[in-house]
């Protein structure tokens, strides 16, 4: 059960720029939100993947296509 249902906590989007500090901060914020909300790995993955934009989204879509072409299973966590 989501204890924070009445509190709007929304992770920001990550566009895939090359600033490692920005990426690490994004991951840390996501981790805190997911722990507070009690999300399992699969739900955390779904929410995080929805927050990828621009270059990060293109990269992720490319990885999914590459895995499908190679006959590997879908990423789900």
PDB file of N, CA and C in Angstrom:
ATOM      1  N   UNK A   1       0.843  -1.191   0.000  1.00  0.00           N
ATOM      2  CA  UNK A   1       0.000   0.000   0.000  1.00  0.00           C
ATOM      3  C   UNK A   1       0.881   1.245   0.000  1.00  0.00           C
ATOM      4  N   UNK A   2       0.489   2.208  -0.764  1.00  0.00           N
ATOM      5  CA  UNK A   2       1.257   3.441  -0.911  1.00  0.00           C
ATOM      6  C   UNK A   2       0.942   4.389   0.239  1.00  0.00           C
ATOM      7  N   UNK A   3       1.860   4.492   1.199  1.00  0.00           N
ATOM      8  CA  UNK A   3       1.672   5.360   2.361  1.00  0.00           C
ATOM      9  C   UNK A   3       1.692   6.835   1.979  1.00  0.00           C
ATOM     10  N   UNK A   4       2.251   7.135   0.825  1.00  0.00           N
ATOM     11  CA  UNK A   4       2.406   8.518   0.386  1.00  0.00           C
ATOM     12  C   UNK A   4       1.427   8.869  -0.731  1.00  0.00           C
ATOM     13  N   UNK A   5       0.311   8.178  -0.779  1.00  0.00           N
ATOM     14  CA  UNK A   5      -0.672   8.395  -1.844  1.00  0.00           C
ATOM     15  C   UNK A   5      -1.138   9.847  -1.885  1.00  0.00           C
ATOM     16  N   UNK A   6      -1.284  10.469  -0.725  1.00  0.00           N
ATOM     17  CA  UNK A   6      -1.788  11.843  -0.674  1.00  0.00           C
ATOM     18  C   UNK A   6      -0.693  12.883  -0.905  1.00  0.00           C
ATOM     19  N   UNK A   7       0.556  12.453  -1.009  1.00  0.00           N
ATOM     20  CA  UNK A   7       1.672  13.373  -1.241  1.00  0.00           C
ATOM     21  C   UNK A   7       2.182  13.167  -2.665  1.00  0.00           C
ATOM     22  N   UNK A   8       2.187  14.230  -3.441  1.00  0.00           N
ATOM     23  CA  UNK A   8       2.653  14.155  -4.829  1.00  0.00           C
ATOM     24  C   UNK A   8       4.180  14.227  -4.848  1.00  0.00           C
ATOM     25  N   UNK A   9       4.805  13.106  -5.136  1.00  0.00           N
ATOM     26  CA  UNK A   9       6.261  13.032  -5.253  1.00  0.00           C
ATOM     27  C   UNK A   9       6.554  12.507  -6.651  1.00  0.00           C
ATOM     28  N   UNK A  10       7.088  13.374  -7.471  1.00  0.00           N
ATOM     29  CA  UNK A  10       7.288  13.031  -8.876  1.00  0.00           C
ATOM     30  C   UNK A  10       8.764  13.197  -9.242  1.00  0.00           C
ATOM     31  N   UNK A  11       9.427  12.112  -9.671  1.00  0.00           N
ATOM     32  CA  UNK A  11      10.819  12.267 -10.119  1.00  0.00           C
ATOM     33  C   UNK A  11      10.872  13.068 -11.409  1.00  0.00           C
ATOM     34  N   UNK A  12      11.923  13.845 -11.584  1.00  0.00           N
ATOM     35  CA  UNK A  12      12.052  14.614 -12.808  1.00  0.00           C
ATOM     36  C   UNK A  12      12.561  13.713 -13.924  1.00  0.00           C
ATOM     37  N   UNK A  13      12.501  14.210 -15.128  1.00  0.00           N
ATOM     38  CA  UNK A  13      12.935  13.454 -16.294  1.00  0.00           C
ATOM     39  C   UNK A  13      14.451  13.523 -16.425  1.00  0.00           C
ATOM     40  N   UNK A  14      15.004  12.497 -17.069  1.00  0.00           N
ATOM     41  CA  UNK A  14      16.443  12.479 -17.362  1.00  0.00           C
ATOM     42  C   UNK A  14      16.598  12.408 -18.870  1.00  0.00           C
ATOM     43  N   UNK A  15      17.335  13.377 -19.443  1.00  0.00           N
ATOM     44  CA  UNK A  15      17.444  13.458 -20.899  1.00  0.00           C
ATOM     45  C   UNK A  15      18.686  12.782 -21.459  1.00  0.00           C
ATOM     46  N   UNK A  16      19.569  12.294 -20.604  1.00  0.00           N
ATOM     47  CA  UNK A  16      20.730  11.561 -21.091  1.00  0.00           C
ATOM     48  C   UNK A  16      21.927  12.424 -21.414  1.00  0.00           C
ATOM     49  N   UNK A  17      22.015  13.606 -20.823  1.00  0.00           N
ATOM     50  CA  UNK A  17      23.197  14.427 -21.088  1.00  0.00           C
ATOM     51  C   UNK A  17      24.433  13.749 -20.508  1.00  0.00           C
ATOM     52  N   UNK A  18      25.583  14.273 -20.785  1.00  0.00           N
ATOM     53  CA  UNK A  18      26.837  13.611 -20.392  1.00  0.00           C
ATOM     54  C   UNK A  18      27.374  14.055 -19.041  1.00  0.00           C
ATOM     55  N   UNK A  19      26.550  14.713 -18.234  1.00  0.00           N
ATOM     56  CA  UNK A  19      26.982  15.148 -16.914  1.00  0.00           C
ATOM     57  C   UNK A  19      26.745  14.013 -15.907  1.00  0.00           C
ATOM     58  N   UNK A  20      27.811  13.326 -15.458  1.00  0.00           N
ATOM     59  CA  UNK A  20      27.626  12.195 -14.548  1.00  0.00           C
ATOM     60  C   UNK A  20      27.027  12.590 -13.206  1.00  0.00           C
ATOM     61  N   UNK A  21      27.311  13.797 -12.735  1.00  0.00           N
ATOM     62  CA  UNK A  21      26.750  14.239 -11.452  1.00  0.00           C
ATOM     63  C   UNK A  21      25.227  14.364 -11.536  1.00  0.00           C
ATOM     64  N   UNK A  22      24.744  14.866 -12.666  1.00  0.00           N
ATOM     65  CA  UNK A  22      23.299  15.000 -12.847  1.00  0.00           C
ATOM     66  C   UNK A  22      22.630  13.623 -12.883  1.00  0.00           C
ATOM     67  N   UNK A  23      23.263  12.675 -13.574  1.00  0.00           N
ATOM     68  CA  UNK A  23      22.733  11.311 -13.624  1.00  0.00           C
ATOM     69  C   UNK A  23      22.691  10.684 -12.230  1.00  0.00           C
ATOM     70  N   UNK A  24      23.790  10.791 -11.483  1.00  0.00           N
ATOM     71  CA  UNK A  24      23.841  10.199 -10.142  1.00  0.00           C
ATOM     72  C   UNK A  24      22.806  10.826  -9.213  1.00  0.00           C
ATOM     73  N   UNK A  25      22.616  12.132  -9.311  1.00  0.00           N
ATOM     74  CA  UNK A  25      21.605  12.791  -8.490  1.00  0.00           C
ATOM     75  C   UNK A  25      20.210  12.274  -8.854  1.00  0.00           C
ATOM     76  N   UNK A  26      19.943  12.094 -10.147  1.00  0.00           N
ATOM     77  CA  UNK A  26      18.655  11.575 -10.607  1.00  0.00           C
ATOM     78  C   UNK A  26      18.411  10.174 -10.037  1.00  0.00           C
ATOM     79  N   UNK A  27      19.422   9.322 -10.097  1.00  0.00           N
ATOM     80  CA  UNK A  27      19.291   7.952  -9.582  1.00  0.00           C
ATOM     81  C   UNK A  27      19.044   7.971  -8.072  1.00  0.00           C
ATOM     82  N   UNK A  28      19.758   8.807  -7.350  1.00  0.00           N
ATOM     83  CA  UNK A  28      19.581   8.886  -5.897  1.00  0.00           C
ATOM     84  C   UNK A  28      18.178   9.357  -5.532  1.00  0.00           C
ATOM     85  N   UNK A  29      17.663  10.336  -6.249  1.00  0.00           N
ATOM     86  CA  UNK A  29      16.303  10.823  -5.988  1.00  0.00           C
ATOM     87  C   UNK A  29      15.297   9.707  -6.283  1.00  0.00           C
ATOM     88  N   UNK A  30      15.468   9.022  -7.410  1.00  0.00           N
ATOM     89  CA  UNK A  30      14.581   7.903  -7.732  1.00  0.00           C
ATOM     90  C   UNK A  30      14.603   6.854  -6.629  1.00  0.00           C
ATOM     91  N   UNK A  31      15.792   6.482  -6.172  1.00  0.00           N
ATOM     92  CA  UNK A  31      15.907   5.470  -5.110  1.00  0.00           C
ATOM     93  C   UNK A  31      15.136   5.887  -3.860  1.00  0.00           C
ATOM     94  N   UNK A  32      15.271   7.137  -3.466  1.00  0.00           N
ATOM     95  CA  UNK A  32      14.560   7.610  -2.271  1.00  0.00           C
ATOM     96  C   UNK A  32      13.044   7.567  -2.471  1.00  0.00           C
ATOM     97  N   UNK A  33      12.590   8.006  -3.630  1.00  0.00           N
ATOM     98  CA  UNK A  33      11.151   7.986  -3.910  1.00  0.00           C
ATOM     99  C   UNK A  33      10.625   6.554  -3.912  1.00  0.00           C
ATOM    100  N   UNK A  34      11.321   5.656  -4.584  1.00  0.00           N
ATOM    101  CA  UNK A  34      10.858   4.274  -4.695  1.00  0.00           C
ATOM    102  C   UNK A  34      10.849   3.571  -3.339  1.00  0.00           C
ATOM    103  N   UNK A  35      11.832   3.852  -2.512  1.00  0.00           N
ATOM    104  CA  UNK A  35      11.846   3.263  -1.166  1.00  0.00           C
ATOM    105  C   UNK A  35      10.699   3.802  -0.332  1.00  0.00           C
ATOM    106  N   UNK A  36      10.479   5.105  -0.395  1.00  0.00           N
ATOM    107  CA  UNK A  36       9.393   5.715   0.386  1.00  0.00           C
ATOM    108  C   UNK A  36       8.036   5.167  -0.041  1.00  0.00           C
ATOM    109  N   UNK A  37       7.875   4.912  -1.323  1.00  0.00           N
ATOM    110  CA  UNK A  37       6.605   4.416  -1.838  1.00  0.00           C
ATOM    111  C   UNK A  37       6.507   2.891  -1.776  1.00  0.00           C
ATOM    112  N   UNK A  38       7.601   2.209  -1.442  1.00  0.00           N
ATOM    113  CA  UNK A  38       7.582   0.756  -1.323  1.00  0.00           C
ATOM    114  C   UNK A  38       7.494   0.032  -2.655  1.00  0.00           C
ATOM    115  N   UNK A  39       8.011   0.639  -3.724  1.00  0.00           N
ATOM    116  CA  UNK A  39       7.966   0.020  -5.041  1.00  0.00           C
ATOM    117  C   UNK A  39       8.936  -1.157  -5.123  1.00  0.00           C
ATOM    118  N   UNK A  40       8.519  -2.224  -5.786  1.00  0.00           N
ATOM    119  CA  UNK A  40       9.434  -3.334  -6.052  1.00  0.00           C
ATOM    120  C   UNK A  40      10.285  -2.978  -7.281  1.00  0.00           C
ATOM    121  N   UNK A  41      11.224  -3.852  -7.622  1.00  0.00           N
ATOM    122  CA  UNK A  41      12.137  -3.557  -8.730  1.00  0.00           C
ATOM    123  C   UNK A  41      11.400  -3.366 -10.057  1.00  0.00           C
ATOM    124  N   UNK A  42      10.390  -4.183 -10.296  1.00  0.00           N
ATOM    125  CA  UNK A  42       9.677  -4.092 -11.572  1.00  0.00           C
ATOM    126  C   UNK A  42       8.926  -2.767 -11.706  1.00  0.00           C
ATOM    127  N   UNK A  43       8.241  -2.366 -10.659  1.00  0.00           N
ATOM    128  CA  UNK A  43       7.506  -1.095 -10.710  1.00  0.00           C
ATOM    129  C   UNK A  43       8.475   0.088 -10.778  1.00  0.00           C
ATOM    130  N   UNK A  44       9.569   0.016 -10.031  1.00  0.00           N
ATOM    131  CA  UNK A  44      10.585   1.073 -10.072  1.00  0.00           C
ATOM    132  C   UNK A  44      11.136   1.232 -11.481  1.00  0.00           C
ATOM    133  N   UNK A  45      11.395   0.097 -12.138  1.00  0.00           N
ATOM    134  CA  UNK A  45      11.913   0.121 -13.505  1.00  0.00           C
ATOM    135  C   UNK A  45      10.929   0.796 -14.453  1.00  0.00           C
ATOM    136  N   UNK A  46       9.659   0.446 -14.329  1.00  0.00           N
ATOM    137  CA  UNK A  46       8.645   1.026 -15.212  1.00  0.00           C
ATOM    138  C   UNK A  46       8.568   2.541 -15.044  1.00  0.00           C
ATOM    139  N   UNK A  47       8.567   3.005 -13.811  1.00  0.00           N
ATOM    140  CA  UNK A  47       8.482   4.447 -13.562  1.00  0.00           C
ATOM    141  C   UNK A  47       9.743   5.143 -14.080  1.00  0.00           C
ATOM    142  N   UNK A  48      10.903   4.580 -13.772  1.00  0.00           N
ATOM    143  CA  UNK A  48      12.164   5.197 -14.210  1.00  0.00           C
ATOM    144  C   UNK A  48      12.242   5.262 -15.737  1.00  0.00           C
ATOM    145  N   UNK A  49      11.835   4.197 -16.418  1.00  0.00           N
ATOM    146  CA  UNK A  49      11.919   4.197 -17.879  1.00  0.00           C
ATOM    147  C   UNK A  49      10.975   5.228 -18.500  1.00  0.00           C
ATOM    148  N   UNK A  50       9.864   5.520 -17.823  1.00  0.00           N
ATOM    149  CA  UNK A  50       8.954   6.557 -18.314  1.00  0.00           C
ATOM    150  C   UNK A  50       9.557   7.956 -18.192  1.00  0.00           C
ATOM    151  N   UNK A  51      10.540   8.107 -17.327  1.00  0.00           N
ATOM    152  CA  UNK A  51      11.155   9.412 -17.086  1.00  0.00           C
ATOM    153  C   UNK A  51      12.371   9.671 -17.978  1.00  0.00           C
ATOM    154  N   UNK A  52      12.684   8.741 -18.876  1.00  0.00           N
ATOM    155  CA  UNK A  52      13.787   8.947 -19.821  1.00  0.00           C
ATOM    156  C   UNK A  52      13.283   9.761 -21.004  1.00  0.00           C
ATOM    157  N   UNK A  53      14.002  10.806 -21.360  1.00  0.00           N
ATOM    158  CA  UNK A  53      13.628  11.652 -22.492  1.00  0.00           C
ATOM    159  C   UNK A  53      14.828  11.838 -23.412  1.00  0.00           C
ATOM    160  N   UNK A  54      14.584  12.402 -24.555  1.00  0.00           N
ATOM    161  CA  UNK A  54      15.608  12.749 -25.547  1.00  0.00           C
ATOM    162  C   UNK A  54      16.642  11.641 -25.730  1.00  0.00           C
ATOM    163  N   UNK A  55      17.909  11.909 -25.459  1.00  0.00           N
ATOM    164  CA  UNK A  55      18.977  10.952 -25.726  1.00  0.00           C
ATOM    165  C   UNK A  55      18.835   9.680 -24.893  1.00  0.00           C
ATOM    166  N   UNK A  56      18.424   9.838 -23.654  1.00  0.00           N
ATOM    167  CA  UNK A  56      18.266   8.667 -22.784  1.00  0.00           C
ATOM    168  C   UNK A  56      17.152   7.763 -23.307  1.00  0.00           C
ATOM    169  N   UNK A  57      16.074   8.354 -23.783  1.00  0.00           N
ATOM    170  CA  UNK A  57      14.974   7.576 -24.336  1.00  0.00           C
ATOM    171  C   UNK A  57      15.396   6.859 -25.620  1.00  0.00           C
ATOM    172  N   UNK A  58      16.107   7.564 -26.481  1.00  0.00           N
ATOM    173  CA  UNK A  58      16.603   6.939 -27.715  1.00  0.00           C
ATOM    174  C   UNK A  58      17.536   5.777 -27.402  1.00  0.00           C
ATOM    175  N   UNK A  59      18.427   5.975 -26.435  1.00  0.00           N
ATOM    176  CA  UNK A  59      19.350   4.918 -26.028  1.00  0.00           C
ATOM    177  C   UNK A  59      18.568   3.699 -25.538  1.00  0.00           C
ATOM    178  N   UNK A  60      17.575   3.932 -24.678  1.00  0.00           N
ATOM    179  CA  UNK A  60      16.804   2.830 -24.108  1.00  0.00           C
ATOM    180  C   UNK A  60      16.030   2.075 -25.195  1.00  0.00           C
ATOM    181  N   UNK A  61      15.412   2.798 -26.109  1.00  0.00           N
ATOM    182  CA  UNK A  61      14.685   2.151 -27.207  1.00  0.00           C
ATOM    183  C   UNK A  61      15.629   1.329 -28.069  1.00  0.00           C
ATOM    184  N   UNK A  62      16.832   1.835 -28.290  1.00  0.00           N
ATOM    185  CA  UNK A  62      17.832   1.102 -29.067  1.00  0.00           C
ATOM    186  C   UNK A  62      18.241  -0.186 -28.349  1.00  0.00           C
ATOM    187  N   UNK A  63      18.436  -0.105 -27.041  1.00  0.00           N
ATOM    188  CA  UNK A  63      18.793  -1.298 -26.260  1.00  0.00           C
ATOM    189  C   UNK A  63      17.685  -2.341 -26.351  1.00  0.00           C
ATOM    190  N   UNK A  64      16.432  -1.922 -26.241  1.00  0.00           N
ATOM    191  CA  UNK A  64      15.307  -2.863 -26.330  1.00  0.00           C
ATOM    192  C   UNK A  64      15.279  -3.552 -27.701  1.00  0.00           C
ATOM    193  N   UNK A  65      15.467  -2.779 -28.776  1.00  0.00           N
ATOM    194  CA  UNK A  65      15.478  -3.355 -30.126  1.00  0.00           C
ATOM    195  C   UNK A  65      16.640  -4.308 -30.318  1.00  0.00           C
ATOM    196  N   UNK A  66      17.800  -3.924 -29.813  1.00  0.00           N
ATOM    197  CA  UNK A  66      18.993  -4.761 -29.929  1.00  0.00           C
ATOM    198  C   UNK A  66      18.781  -6.093 -29.210  1.00  0.00           C
ATOM    199  N   UNK A  67      18.211  -6.055 -28.012  1.00  0.00           N
ATOM    200  CA  UNK A  67      17.964  -7.290 -27.251  1.00  0.00           C
ATOM    201  C   UNK A  67      16.954  -8.181 -27.979  1.00  0.00           C
ATOM    202  N   UNK A  68      15.927  -7.579 -28.568  1.00  0.00           N
ATOM    203  CA  UNK A  68      14.925  -8.353 -29.310  1.00  0.00           C
ATOM    204  C   UNK A  68      15.561  -9.018 -30.525  1.00  0.00           C
ATOM    205  N   UNK A  69      16.415  -8.270 -31.232  1.00  0.00           N
ATOM    206  CA  UNK A  69      17.103  -8.806 -32.402  1.00  0.00           C
ATOM    207  C   UNK A  69      18.010  -9.977 -32.026  1.00  0.00           C
ATOM    208  N   UNK A  70      18.640  -9.883 -30.869  1.00  0.00           N
ATOM    209  CA  UNK A  70      19.551 -10.927 -30.399  1.00  0.00           C
ATOM    210  C   UNK A  70      18.826 -12.073 -29.701  1.00  0.00           C
ATOM    211  N   UNK A  71      17.494 -11.969 -29.581  1.00  0.00           N
ATOM    212  CA  UNK A  71      16.709 -13.022 -28.951  1.00  0.00           C
ATOM    213  C   UNK A  71      16.804 -13.056 -27.432  1.00  0.00           C
ATOM    214  N   UNK A  72      17.251 -11.956 -26.859  1.00  0.00           N
ATOM    215  CA  UNK A  72      17.343 -11.879 -25.397  1.00  0.00           C
ATOM    216  C   UNK A  72      16.007 -11.473 -24.823  1.00  0.00           C
ATOM    217  N   UNK A  73      15.787 -11.806 -23.552  1.00  0.00           N
ATOM    218  CA  UNK A  73      14.511 -11.482 -22.913  1.00  0.00           C
ATOM    219  C   UNK A  73      14.405  -9.980 -22.668  1.00  0.00           C
ATOM    220  N   UNK A  74      13.156  -9.510 -22.511  1.00  0.00           N
ATOM    221  CA  UNK A  74      12.907  -8.097 -22.238  1.00  0.00           C
ATOM    222  C   UNK A  74      13.447  -7.698 -20.887  1.00  0.00           C
ATOM    223  N   UNK A  75      13.857  -6.469 -20.767  1.00  0.00           N
ATOM    224  CA  UNK A  75      14.296  -5.917 -19.492  1.00  0.00           C
ATOM    225  C   UNK A  75      13.049  -5.525 -18.720  1.00  0.00           C
ATOM    226  N   UNK A  76      12.944  -5.954 -17.462  1.00  0.00           N
ATOM    227  CA  UNK A  76      11.746  -5.611 -16.686  1.00  0.00           C
ATOM    228  C   UNK A  76      12.055  -5.176 -15.266  1.00  0.00           C
ATOM    229  N   UNK A  77      13.313  -5.011 -14.948  1.00  0.00           N
ATOM    230  CA  UNK A  77      13.665  -4.495 -13.620  1.00  0.00           C
ATOM    231  C   UNK A  77      15.058  -3.889 -13.668  1.00  0.00           C
TER     232      UNK A  77
END
